[in-house]
Amino acid sequence: SGWIYPIKDVPMESEALTRWLYQRFVEKDELLAHFYETGAFPPPKGQTTATSRAMTLDPLWLFLIQLMGFLSGYMWYNVLQYMYNGLGL
């Protein structure tokens, strides 16, 4: 079985859900046992080897995300300062 389950496959009845969750814990324990023995998780069903993907980070994207964070912090600082001064504290 896979590591992601569609919601339609998750039982709604309490007893069936309990059995389904128990089976997921069994799978988790098997995955962890394999990881502790080999240092890697097993490949998904249908694959013979685990494949990795290159991770690329776009510097412009990272800069824009950081800029948004700083601008948001500055905006909240001004909003809270305005509210604090407006209350006359």
N, C-alpha and C. Protein backbone atom coordinates (compact mmCIF):
# COMPACT_ATOMS: atom_id res chain seq x y z
N SER A 1 0.84 -1.19 0.00
CA SER A 1 0.00 0.00 0.00
C SER A 1 0.88 1.24 0.00
N GLY A 2 0.27 2.40 -0.27
CA GLY A 2 1.02 3.64 -0.37
C GLY A 2 1.12 4.36 0.95
N TRP A 3 1.69 5.53 0.91
CA TRP A 3 1.87 6.32 2.12
C TRP A 3 0.85 7.45 2.20
N ILE A 4 0.07 7.64 1.14
CA ILE A 4 -0.98 8.64 1.13
C ILE A 4 -2.28 7.91 0.82
N TYR A 5 -3.30 8.20 1.62
CA TYR A 5 -4.57 7.49 1.47
C TYR A 5 -5.67 8.48 1.14
N PRO A 6 -6.43 8.22 0.07
CA PRO A 6 -7.57 9.09 -0.24
C PRO A 6 -8.60 9.02 0.88
N ILE A 7 -9.26 10.12 1.15
CA ILE A 7 -10.22 10.18 2.24
C ILE A 7 -11.35 9.18 2.02
N LYS A 8 -11.67 8.87 0.76
CA LYS A 8 -12.74 7.92 0.49
C LYS A 8 -12.39 6.51 0.97
N ASP A 9 -11.10 6.23 1.16
CA ASP A 9 -10.67 4.92 1.64
C ASP A 9 -10.66 4.79 3.16
N VAL A 10 -10.87 5.91 3.85
CA VAL A 10 -10.86 5.89 5.32
C VAL A 10 -12.27 5.56 5.81
N PRO A 11 -12.41 4.49 6.59
CA PRO A 11 -13.75 4.11 7.07
C PRO A 11 -14.34 5.16 8.01
N MET A 12 -15.65 5.26 8.02
CA MET A 12 -16.34 6.22 8.87
C MET A 12 -16.82 5.58 10.17
N GLU A 13 -17.10 4.28 10.15
CA GLU A 13 -17.60 3.61 11.34
C GLU A 13 -16.47 3.45 12.35
N SER A 14 -16.79 3.56 13.61
CA SER A 14 -15.79 3.56 14.68
C SER A 14 -14.96 2.28 14.69
N GLU A 15 -15.62 1.13 14.61
CA GLU A 15 -14.88 -0.13 14.68
C GLU A 15 -13.99 -0.34 13.46
N ALA A 16 -14.53 -0.05 12.27
CA ALA A 16 -13.74 -0.18 11.05
C ALA A 16 -12.58 0.82 11.04
N LEU A 17 -12.82 2.03 11.54
CA LEU A 17 -11.77 3.03 11.60
C LEU A 17 -10.66 2.59 12.55
N THR A 18 -11.04 1.98 13.67
CA THR A 18 -10.04 1.48 14.62
C THR A 18 -9.16 0.43 13.96
N ARG A 19 -9.76 -0.51 13.23
CA ARG A 19 -8.98 -1.55 12.54
C ARG A 19 -8.08 -0.92 11.48
N TRP A 20 -8.61 0.06 10.73
CA TRP A 20 -7.84 0.71 9.67
C TRP A 20 -6.64 1.45 10.26
N LEU A 21 -6.86 2.17 11.36
CA LEU A 21 -5.76 2.89 12.01
C LEU A 21 -4.72 1.92 12.57
N TYR A 22 -5.18 0.81 13.14
CA TYR A 22 -4.25 -0.18 13.66
C TYR A 22 -3.35 -0.69 12.53
N GLN A 23 -3.94 -0.93 11.36
CA GLN A 23 -3.14 -1.41 10.22
C GLN A 23 -2.13 -0.36 9.79
N ARG A 24 -2.47 0.93 9.85
CA ARG A 24 -1.52 1.99 9.51
C ARG A 24 -0.35 1.99 10.50
N PHE A 25 -0.62 1.73 11.79
CA PHE A 25 0.46 1.67 12.77
C PHE A 25 1.36 0.46 12.51
N VAL A 26 0.79 -0.65 12.06
CA VAL A 26 1.59 -1.81 11.70
C VAL A 26 2.51 -1.46 10.54
N GLU A 27 1.95 -0.78 9.52
CA GLU A 27 2.76 -0.35 8.38
C GLU A 27 3.87 0.59 8.82
N LYS A 28 3.54 1.53 9.71
CA LYS A 28 4.55 2.47 10.21
C LYS A 28 5.68 1.74 10.91
N ASP A 29 5.32 0.77 11.74
CA ASP A 29 6.35 0.01 12.45
C ASP A 29 7.24 -0.77 11.48
N GLU A 30 6.63 -1.33 10.41
CA GLU A 30 7.42 -2.04 9.40
C GLU A 30 8.37 -1.09 8.68
N LEU A 31 7.88 0.11 8.34
CA LEU A 31 8.73 1.10 7.68
C LEU A 31 9.89 1.52 8.59
N LEU A 32 9.60 1.75 9.86
CA LEU A 32 10.66 2.14 10.78
C LEU A 32 11.66 1.01 10.99
N ALA A 33 11.19 -0.23 11.06
CA ALA A 33 12.10 -1.36 11.22
C ALA A 33 13.05 -1.43 10.02
N HIS A 34 12.50 -1.25 8.82
CA HIS A 34 13.33 -1.26 7.61
C HIS A 34 14.33 -0.11 7.64
N PHE A 35 13.87 1.07 8.08
CA PHE A 35 14.75 2.23 8.15
C PHE A 35 15.89 2.00 9.15
N TYR A 36 15.57 1.44 10.32
CA TYR A 36 16.61 1.21 11.33
C TYR A 36 17.63 0.17 10.88
N GLU A 37 17.19 -0.79 10.05
CA GLU A 37 18.11 -1.83 9.56
C GLU A 37 18.98 -1.33 8.42
N THR A 38 18.40 -0.53 7.51
CA THR A 38 19.11 -0.17 6.29
C THR A 38 19.53 1.30 6.23
N GLY A 39 18.92 2.15 7.05
CA GLY A 39 19.23 3.58 7.00
C GLY A 39 18.44 4.32 5.95
N ALA A 40 17.49 3.65 5.30
CA ALA A 40 16.66 4.28 4.28
C ALA A 40 15.28 3.64 4.30
N PHE A 41 14.28 4.40 3.89
CA PHE A 41 12.94 3.84 3.77
C PHE A 41 12.86 3.00 2.50
N PRO A 42 12.02 1.98 2.50
CA PRO A 42 11.89 1.15 1.29
C PRO A 42 11.23 1.96 0.17
N PRO A 43 11.51 1.58 -1.08
CA PRO A 43 10.87 2.28 -2.19
C PRO A 43 9.37 1.97 -2.21
N PRO A 44 8.57 2.87 -2.75
CA PRO A 44 7.13 2.60 -2.85
C PRO A 44 6.86 1.38 -3.71
N LYS A 45 5.68 0.77 -3.52
CA LYS A 45 5.31 -0.42 -4.30
C LYS A 45 5.36 -0.09 -5.79
N GLY A 46 5.88 -1.02 -6.56
CA GLY A 46 6.00 -0.83 -8.00
C GLY A 46 7.34 -0.27 -8.42
N GLN A 47 8.16 0.15 -7.47
CA GLN A 47 9.50 0.64 -7.78
C GLN A 47 10.51 -0.31 -7.16
N THR A 48 11.64 -0.45 -7.83
CA THR A 48 12.67 -1.34 -7.31
C THR A 48 13.69 -0.60 -6.47
N THR A 49 13.84 0.69 -6.73
CA THR A 49 14.80 1.48 -5.96
C THR A 49 14.16 2.79 -5.55
N ALA A 50 14.64 3.34 -4.46
CA ALA A 50 14.18 4.66 -4.04
C ALA A 50 14.92 5.70 -4.87
N THR A 51 14.18 6.63 -5.42
CA THR A 51 14.80 7.67 -6.24
C THR A 51 14.68 8.99 -5.51
N SER A 52 15.72 9.80 -5.66
CA SER A 52 15.69 11.12 -5.05
C SER A 52 15.49 12.16 -6.14
N ARG A 53 14.95 13.27 -5.73
CA ARG A 53 14.74 14.37 -6.67
C ARG A 53 15.65 15.52 -6.28
N ALA A 54 16.15 16.21 -7.27
CA ALA A 54 16.99 17.38 -7.00
C ALA A 54 16.11 18.48 -6.44
N MET A 55 16.60 19.14 -5.42
CA MET A 55 15.86 20.24 -4.82
C MET A 55 16.53 21.54 -5.22
N THR A 56 15.79 22.36 -5.90
CA THR A 56 16.34 23.64 -6.33
C THR A 56 15.59 24.76 -5.63
N LEU A 57 16.33 25.71 -5.15
CA LEU A 57 15.74 26.87 -4.50
C LEU A 57 16.05 28.10 -5.34
N ASP A 58 15.02 28.82 -5.67
CA ASP A 58 15.17 30.03 -6.45
C ASP A 58 15.49 31.19 -5.51
N PRO A 59 16.65 31.83 -5.65
CA PRO A 59 17.02 32.93 -4.76
C PRO A 59 16.01 34.08 -4.77
N LEU A 60 15.44 34.37 -5.93
CA LEU A 60 14.45 35.44 -6.02
C LEU A 60 13.22 35.08 -5.19
N TRP A 61 12.75 33.85 -5.30
CA TRP A 61 11.59 33.40 -4.54
C TRP A 61 11.88 33.49 -3.03
N LEU A 62 13.06 33.05 -2.61
CA LEU A 62 13.41 33.13 -1.19
C LEU A 62 13.45 34.59 -0.72
N PHE A 63 14.01 35.46 -1.54
CA PHE A 63 14.07 36.88 -1.20
C PHE A 63 12.67 37.47 -1.04
N LEU A 64 11.77 37.14 -1.99
CA LEU A 64 10.41 37.67 -1.93
C LEU A 64 9.66 37.15 -0.70
N ILE A 65 9.85 35.90 -0.36
CA ILE A 65 9.20 35.34 0.83
C ILE A 65 9.71 36.05 2.09
N GLN A 66 11.03 36.24 2.18
CA GLN A 66 11.59 36.94 3.33
C GLN A 66 11.09 38.38 3.39
N LEU A 67 11.04 39.03 2.25
CA LEU A 67 10.55 40.41 2.19
C LEU A 67 9.11 40.49 2.68
N MET A 68 8.28 39.55 2.26
CA MET A 68 6.88 39.51 2.71
C MET A 68 6.83 39.35 4.23
N GLY A 69 7.68 38.51 4.78
CA GLY A 69 7.70 38.30 6.23
C GLY A 69 8.09 39.57 6.96
N PHE A 70 9.13 40.24 6.49
CA PHE A 70 9.56 41.47 7.14
C PHE A 70 8.51 42.57 7.01
N LEU A 71 7.91 42.71 5.82
CA LEU A 71 6.87 43.71 5.63
C LEU A 71 5.66 43.43 6.50
N SER A 72 5.30 42.18 6.64
CA SER A 72 4.18 41.81 7.50
C SER A 72 4.48 42.17 8.95
N GLY A 73 5.69 41.85 9.41
CA GLY A 73 6.08 42.20 10.77
C GLY A 73 6.05 43.71 11.00
N TYR A 74 6.55 44.47 10.03
CA TYR A 74 6.55 45.93 10.13
C TYR A 74 5.13 46.47 10.16
N MET A 75 4.26 45.89 9.32
CA MET A 75 2.88 46.32 9.28
C MET A 75 2.21 46.07 10.64
N TRP A 76 2.39 44.89 11.20
CA TRP A 76 1.77 44.57 12.49
C TRP A 76 2.34 45.45 13.61
N TYR A 77 3.61 45.74 13.54
CA TYR A 77 4.21 46.65 14.53
C TYR A 77 3.50 48.00 14.49
N ASN A 78 3.29 48.53 13.29
CA ASN A 78 2.62 49.83 13.14
C ASN A 78 1.16 49.75 13.58
N VAL A 79 0.47 48.70 13.24
CA VAL A 79 -0.94 48.55 13.63
C VAL A 79 -1.04 48.49 15.15
N LEU A 80 -0.22 47.67 15.78
CA LEU A 80 -0.28 47.54 17.24
C LEU A 80 0.16 48.84 17.94
N GLN A 81 1.16 49.50 17.38
CA GLN A 81 1.59 50.78 17.96
C GLN A 81 0.47 51.81 17.85
N TYR A 82 -0.22 51.84 16.71
CA TYR A 82 -1.35 52.76 16.52
C TYR A 82 -2.45 52.46 17.53
N MET A 83 -2.77 51.19 17.71
CA MET A 83 -3.81 50.82 18.66
C MET A 83 -3.38 51.17 20.08
N TYR A 84 -2.14 50.91 20.42
CA TYR A 84 -1.63 51.20 21.75
C TYR A 84 -1.69 52.70 22.04
N ASN A 85 -1.26 53.51 21.08
CA ASN A 85 -1.29 54.98 21.23
C ASN A 85 -2.73 55.50 21.22
N GLY A 86 -3.59 54.85 20.46
CA GLY A 86 -5.00 55.27 20.38
C GLY A 86 -5.72 55.03 21.70
N LEU A 87 -5.28 54.08 22.46
CA LEU A 87 -5.92 53.80 23.75
C LEU A 87 -5.39 54.74 24.83
N GLY A 88 -4.35 55.50 24.53
CA GLY A 88 -3.81 56.45 25.48
C GLY A 88 -3.02 55.79 26.60
N LEU A 89 -2.46 54.64 26.32
CA LEU A 89 -1.68 53.95 27.36
C LEU A 89 -0.25 54.42 27.40
